[in-house]
Amino acid sequence: MVGTGTRVLVLGSFPGRASLTAQQYYGHARNHFWPILAALWPRHALPGSDEYAARCDWLLARGLGLWDVYAACEREGSLDTSIRNAQINDFAGLLFRAPGLAAIAHNGGESFRHARAVRSSMGLDAQAGIVSLRLPSTSPANASWSFENKLNAWGEALATFGLV
């Protein structure tokens, strides 16, 4: 999900079981993704989880896009460490849909592990001007990072690109 105003694209690895069941990005009730963004944009009320289309519009209106590194994979459970036979998404046409893209923010280590492949698929070289960032995973499995630490890291990254 990107739009012409997307400045930062957040890439997860692949949706977990709760997200797939809900058919929503970051659909697990304990995932910090939505609460972090609500905290970073307090003047803009986050639509409820039952208003997913409105949540997507809310993100796009603030310059944030969402997608996954993997188009498909095999995984038992929801942990990234269980991913097998993954197929990377086709990022080739992404820049046409998001011409103002300034950064690709990888939500966790598994996504960031493919930063070079994502850039290559988009036709970006090191001097392209689009930054690749590794952010702490918002997943509840990333218990070593507190909500506050995740919030600070995400806030600093998004502020760099004028989104906070």
C-alpha atoms as a PDB file:
ATOM      1  CA  MET A   1       0.000   0.000   0.000  1.00  0.00           C
ATOM      2  CA  VAL A   2       1.640   3.178  -1.233  1.00  0.00           C
ATOM      3  CA  GLY A   3       0.418   6.448  -2.663  1.00  0.00           C
ATOM      4  CA  THR A   4       1.853   9.348  -4.568  1.00  0.00           C
ATOM      5  CA  GLY A   5       2.522  11.110  -1.242  1.00  0.00           C
ATOM      6  CA  THR A   6       4.392   8.205   0.353  1.00  0.00           C
ATOM      7  CA  ARG A   7       7.703   9.443   1.802  1.00  0.00           C
ATOM      8  CA  VAL A   8       8.577   6.421   3.942  1.00  0.00           C
ATOM      9  CA  LEU A   9       7.726   2.827   3.091  1.00  0.00           C
ATOM     10  CA  VAL A  10       7.567   0.448   6.048  1.00  0.00           C
ATOM     11  CA  LEU A  11       8.427  -3.103   5.061  1.00  0.00           C
ATOM     12  CA  GLY A  12       7.615  -6.016   7.296  1.00  0.00           C
ATOM     13  CA  SER A  13       8.745  -9.526   6.493  1.00  0.00           C
ATOM     14  CA  PHE A  14       5.413 -11.349   6.094  1.00  0.00           C
ATOM     15  CA  PRO A  15       2.165 -11.111   8.074  1.00  0.00           C
ATOM     16  CA  GLY A  16       1.801 -13.334  11.107  1.00  0.00           C
ATOM     17  CA  ARG A  17      -1.150 -15.611  11.729  1.00  0.00           C
ATOM     18  CA  ALA A  18      -3.278 -12.937  13.481  1.00  0.00           C
ATOM     19  CA  SER A  19      -2.680 -10.421  10.681  1.00  0.00           C
ATOM     20  CA  LEU A  20      -3.493 -12.981   7.999  1.00  0.00           C
ATOM     21  CA  THR A  21      -6.688 -13.962   9.827  1.00  0.00           C
ATOM     22  CA  ALA A  22      -7.722 -10.308  10.225  1.00  0.00           C
ATOM     23  CA  GLN A  23      -6.488  -9.479   6.696  1.00  0.00           C
ATOM     24  CA  GLN A  24      -4.802  -6.395   8.154  1.00  0.00           C
ATOM     25  CA  TYR A  25      -1.232  -5.243   8.456  1.00  0.00           C
ATOM     26  CA  TYR A  26      -0.126  -5.540  12.082  1.00  0.00           C
ATOM     27  CA  GLY A  27      -3.389  -7.172  13.112  1.00  0.00           C
ATOM     28  CA  HIS A  28      -2.041  -8.832  16.266  1.00  0.00           C
ATOM     29  CA  ALA A  29      -3.587  -7.103  19.288  1.00  0.00           C
ATOM     30  CA  ARG A  30      -0.206  -6.830  21.058  1.00  0.00           C
ATOM     31  CA  ASN A  31       1.791  -5.560  18.082  1.00  0.00           C
ATOM     32  CA  HIS A  32       3.087  -2.062  18.821  1.00  0.00           C
ATOM     33  CA  PHE A  33       2.862  -0.735  15.240  1.00  0.00           C
ATOM     34  CA  TRP A  34      -0.489   1.057  15.524  1.00  0.00           C
ATOM     35  CA  PRO A  35       0.028   2.288  19.118  1.00  0.00           C
ATOM     36  CA  ILE A  36       3.435   3.726  18.161  1.00  0.00           C
ATOM     37  CA  LEU A  37       1.972   5.681  15.268  1.00  0.00           C
ATOM     38  CA  ALA A  38      -0.965   6.852  17.387  1.00  0.00           C
ATOM     39  CA  ALA A  39       1.558   8.152  19.937  1.00  0.00           C
ATOM     40  CA  LEU A  40       3.637   9.867  17.244  1.00  0.00           C
ATOM     41  CA  TRP A  41       0.596  11.550  15.674  1.00  0.00           C
ATOM     42  CA  PRO A  42      -1.564  12.451  18.709  1.00  0.00           C
ATOM     43  CA  ARG A  43      -3.394  15.281  16.918  1.00  0.00           C
ATOM     44  CA  HIS A  44      -4.740  12.816  14.363  1.00  0.00           C
ATOM     45  CA  ALA A  45      -7.048  10.234  15.910  1.00  0.00           C
ATOM     46  CA  LEU A  46      -6.231   6.690  14.850  1.00  0.00           C
ATOM     47  CA  PRO A  47      -9.335   4.985  13.428  1.00  0.00           C
ATOM     48  CA  GLY A  48     -10.395   1.871  15.305  1.00  0.00           C
ATOM     49  CA  SER A  49      -9.186  -1.585  14.343  1.00  0.00           C
ATOM     50  CA  ASP A  50     -12.655  -2.289  12.928  1.00  0.00           C
ATOM     51  CA  GLU A  51     -12.102   0.568  10.449  1.00  0.00           C
ATOM     52  CA  TYR A  52      -9.089  -0.878   8.664  1.00  0.00           C
ATOM     53  CA  ALA A  53      -9.616   0.968   5.362  1.00  0.00           C
ATOM     54  CA  ALA A  54      -9.712   4.237   7.311  1.00  0.00           C
ATOM     55  CA  ARG A  55      -6.473   3.242   9.078  1.00  0.00           C
ATOM     56  CA  CYS A  56      -4.812   2.702   5.708  1.00  0.00           C
ATOM     57  CA  ASP A  57      -6.014   6.107   4.491  1.00  0.00           C
ATOM     58  CA  TRP A  58      -4.782   7.602   7.798  1.00  0.00           C
ATOM     59  CA  LEU A  59      -1.261   6.250   7.123  1.00  0.00           C
ATOM     60  CA  LEU A  60      -1.175   7.332   3.501  1.00  0.00           C
ATOM     61  CA  ALA A  61      -2.362  10.841   4.446  1.00  0.00           C
ATOM     62  CA  ARG A  62       0.719  11.123   6.675  1.00  0.00           C
ATOM     63  CA  GLY A  63       3.172   9.922   4.015  1.00  0.00           C
ATOM     64  CA  LEU A  64       3.607   6.377   5.297  1.00  0.00           C
ATOM     65  CA  GLY A  65       3.220   3.295   3.098  1.00  0.00           C
ATOM     66  CA  LEU A  66       3.158  -0.397   4.046  1.00  0.00           C
ATOM     67  CA  TRP A  67       4.183  -3.580   2.341  1.00  0.00           C
ATOM     68  CA  ASP A  68       6.087  -6.788   2.968  1.00  0.00           C
ATOM     69  CA  VAL A  69       9.450  -8.022   1.745  1.00  0.00           C
ATOM     70  CA  TYR A  70       7.967 -11.433   0.998  1.00  0.00           C
ATOM     71  CA  ALA A  71       5.160 -12.067  -1.461  1.00  0.00           C
ATOM     72  CA  ALA A  72       4.844 -15.638  -0.201  1.00  0.00           C
ATOM     73  CA  CYS A  73       6.546 -18.043   2.154  1.00  0.00           C
ATOM     74  CA  GLU A  74       6.039 -21.172   4.202  1.00  0.00           C
ATOM     75  CA  ARG A  75       5.836 -20.663   7.941  1.00  0.00           C
ATOM     76  CA  GLU A  76       4.467 -22.560  10.860  1.00  0.00           C
ATOM     77  CA  GLY A  77       3.283 -20.064  13.446  1.00  0.00           C
ATOM     78  CA  SER A  78       4.167 -16.381  13.227  1.00  0.00           C
ATOM     79  CA  LEU A  79       7.867 -16.111  14.049  1.00  0.00           C
ATOM     80  CA  ASP A  80      10.206 -14.829  11.346  1.00  0.00           C
ATOM     81  CA  THR A  81      12.708 -17.510  12.320  1.00  0.00           C
ATOM     82  CA  SER A  82      10.216 -20.085  11.008  1.00  0.00           C
ATOM     83  CA  ILE A  83      10.042 -18.615   7.496  1.00  0.00           C
ATOM     84  CA  ARG A  84      11.036 -21.047   4.746  1.00  0.00           C
ATOM     85  CA  ASN A  85      11.011 -20.905   0.932  1.00  0.00           C
ATOM     86  CA  ALA A  86      10.336 -17.169   0.860  1.00  0.00           C
ATOM     87  CA  GLN A  87       9.751 -15.313  -2.397  1.00  0.00           C
ATOM     88  CA  ILE A  88      10.657 -11.616  -2.425  1.00  0.00           C
ATOM     89  CA  ASN A  89       7.985  -9.208  -3.646  1.00  0.00           C
ATOM     90  CA  ASP A  90       8.398  -7.468  -6.984  1.00  0.00           C
ATOM     91  CA  PHE A  91       9.392  -3.921  -6.090  1.00  0.00           C
ATOM     92  CA  ALA A  92      10.195  -2.840  -9.661  1.00  0.00           C
ATOM     93  CA  GLY A  93       7.213  -0.523 -10.220  1.00  0.00           C
ATOM     94  CA  LEU A  94       7.044   0.892  -6.726  1.00  0.00           C
ATOM     95  CA  LEU A  95       8.798   4.175  -7.490  1.00  0.00           C
ATOM     96  CA  PHE A  96       6.202   5.014 -10.138  1.00  0.00           C
ATOM     97  CA  ARG A  97       3.467   4.761  -7.492  1.00  0.00           C
ATOM     98  CA  ALA A  98       5.519   6.609  -4.839  1.00  0.00           C
ATOM     99  CA  PRO A  99       7.683   9.146  -6.701  1.00  0.00           C
ATOM    100  CA  GLY A 100       8.559  11.075  -3.519  1.00  0.00           C
ATOM    101  CA  LEU A 101       9.870   8.044  -1.640  1.00  0.00           C
ATOM    102  CA  ALA A 102      12.762   9.070   0.614  1.00  0.00           C
ATOM    103  CA  ALA A 103      13.244   6.010   2.823  1.00  0.00           C
ATOM    104  CA  ILE A 104      12.540   2.327   3.199  1.00  0.00           C
ATOM    105  CA  ALA A 105      12.064   1.505   6.878  1.00  0.00           C
ATOM    106  CA  HIS A 106      12.467  -2.183   7.621  1.00  0.00           C
ATOM    107  CA  ASN A 107      10.331  -3.280  10.555  1.00  0.00           C
ATOM    108  CA  GLY A 108      12.788  -5.685  12.159  1.00  0.00           C
ATOM    109  CA  GLY A 109      15.830  -7.722  11.256  1.00  0.00           C
ATOM    110  CA  GLU A 110      14.247 -10.266   8.908  1.00  0.00           C
ATOM    111  CA  SER A 111      12.974  -7.517   6.640  1.00  0.00           C
ATOM    112  CA  PHE A 112      16.268  -5.617   6.824  1.00  0.00           C
ATOM    113  CA  ARG A 113      18.181  -8.771   5.880  1.00  0.00           C
ATOM    114  CA  HIS A 114      16.783  -8.222   2.377  1.00  0.00           C
ATOM    115  CA  ALA A 115      17.430  -4.473   2.123  1.00  0.00           C
ATOM    116  CA  ARG A 116      19.957  -4.954  -0.665  1.00  0.00           C
ATOM    117  CA  ALA A 117      17.610  -7.222  -2.655  1.00  0.00           C
ATOM    118  CA  VAL A 118      14.751  -4.735  -2.235  1.00  0.00           C
ATOM    119  CA  ARG A 119      16.920  -1.873  -3.471  1.00  0.00           C
ATOM    120  CA  SER A 120      18.151  -3.955  -6.382  1.00  0.00           C
ATOM    121  CA  SER A 121      14.605  -4.936  -7.345  1.00  0.00           C
ATOM    122  CA  MET A 122      13.690  -1.237  -7.344  1.00  0.00           C
ATOM    123  CA  GLY A 123      16.683  -0.413  -9.525  1.00  0.00           C
ATOM    124  CA  LEU A 124      18.327   1.670  -6.785  1.00  0.00           C
ATOM    125  CA  ASP A 125      22.067   1.969  -6.398  1.00  0.00           C
ATOM    126  CA  ALA A 126      23.871   3.273  -3.306  1.00  0.00           C
ATOM    127  CA  GLN A 127      23.681   6.865  -4.562  1.00  0.00           C
ATOM    128  CA  ALA A 128      19.933   6.809  -5.313  1.00  0.00           C
ATOM    129  CA  GLY A 129      19.066   9.069  -2.378  1.00  0.00           C
ATOM    130  CA  ILE A 130      16.566   6.653  -0.860  1.00  0.00           C
ATOM    131  CA  VAL A 131      17.718   5.577   2.583  1.00  0.00           C
ATOM    132  CA  SER A 132      17.284   2.063   3.977  1.00  0.00           C
ATOM    133  CA  LEU A 133      16.675   1.930   7.732  1.00  0.00           C
ATOM    134  CA  ARG A 134      16.497  -0.903  10.207  1.00  0.00           C
ATOM    135  CA  LEU A 135      13.913  -0.198  12.880  1.00  0.00           C
ATOM    136  CA  PRO A 136      13.166  -2.363  15.893  1.00  0.00           C
ATOM    137  CA  SER A 137      10.399  -4.829  15.198  1.00  0.00           C
ATOM    138  CA  THR A 138       7.030  -3.787  16.559  1.00  0.00           C
ATOM    139  CA  SER A 139       6.150  -7.460  17.052  1.00  0.00           C
ATOM    140  CA  PRO A 140       5.274  -8.709  20.536  1.00  0.00           C
ATOM    141  CA  ALA A 141       8.035 -11.292  19.973  1.00  0.00           C
ATOM    142  CA  ASN A 142      10.541  -8.414  20.212  1.00  0.00           C
ATOM    143  CA  ALA A 143      10.234  -8.251  23.998  1.00  0.00           C
ATOM    144  CA  SER A 144      13.813  -7.041  24.477  1.00  0.00           C
ATOM    145  CA  TRP A 145      12.698  -3.566  23.325  1.00  0.00           C
ATOM    146  CA  SER A 146      10.210  -1.721  25.526  1.00  0.00           C
ATOM    147  CA  PHE A 147       7.354   0.210  23.969  1.00  0.00           C
ATOM    148  CA  GLU A 148       9.109   3.457  24.904  1.00  0.00           C
ATOM    149  CA  ASN A 149      12.364   2.424  23.212  1.00  0.00           C
ATOM    150  CA  LYS A 150      10.515   1.349  20.072  1.00  0.00           C
ATOM    151  CA  LEU A 151       8.555   4.614  20.115  1.00  0.00           C
ATOM    152  CA  ASN A 152      11.762   6.658  20.386  1.00  0.00           C
ATOM    153  CA  ALA A 153      13.487   4.775  17.557  1.00  0.00           C
ATOM    154  CA  TRP A 154      10.486   5.003  15.249  1.00  0.00           C
ATOM    155  CA  GLY A 155       9.934   8.646  16.154  1.00  0.00           C
ATOM    156  CA  GLU A 156      13.521   9.616  15.370  1.00  0.00           C
ATOM    157  CA  ALA A 157      13.417   7.794  12.040  1.00  0.00           C
ATOM    158  CA  LEU A 158      10.116   9.293  10.900  1.00  0.00           C
ATOM    159  CA  ALA A 159      11.106  12.781  12.100  1.00  0.00           C
ATOM    160  CA  THR A 160      14.174  12.636   9.844  1.00  0.00           C
ATOM    161  CA  PHE A 161      11.802  12.540   6.862  1.00  0.00           C
ATOM    162  CA  GLY A 162       9.329  15.129   8.138  1.00  0.00           C
ATOM    163  CA  LEU A 163       6.648  12.689   9.172  1.00  0.00           C
ATOM    164  CA  VAL A 164       6.638  13.640  12.864  1.00  0.00           C
END
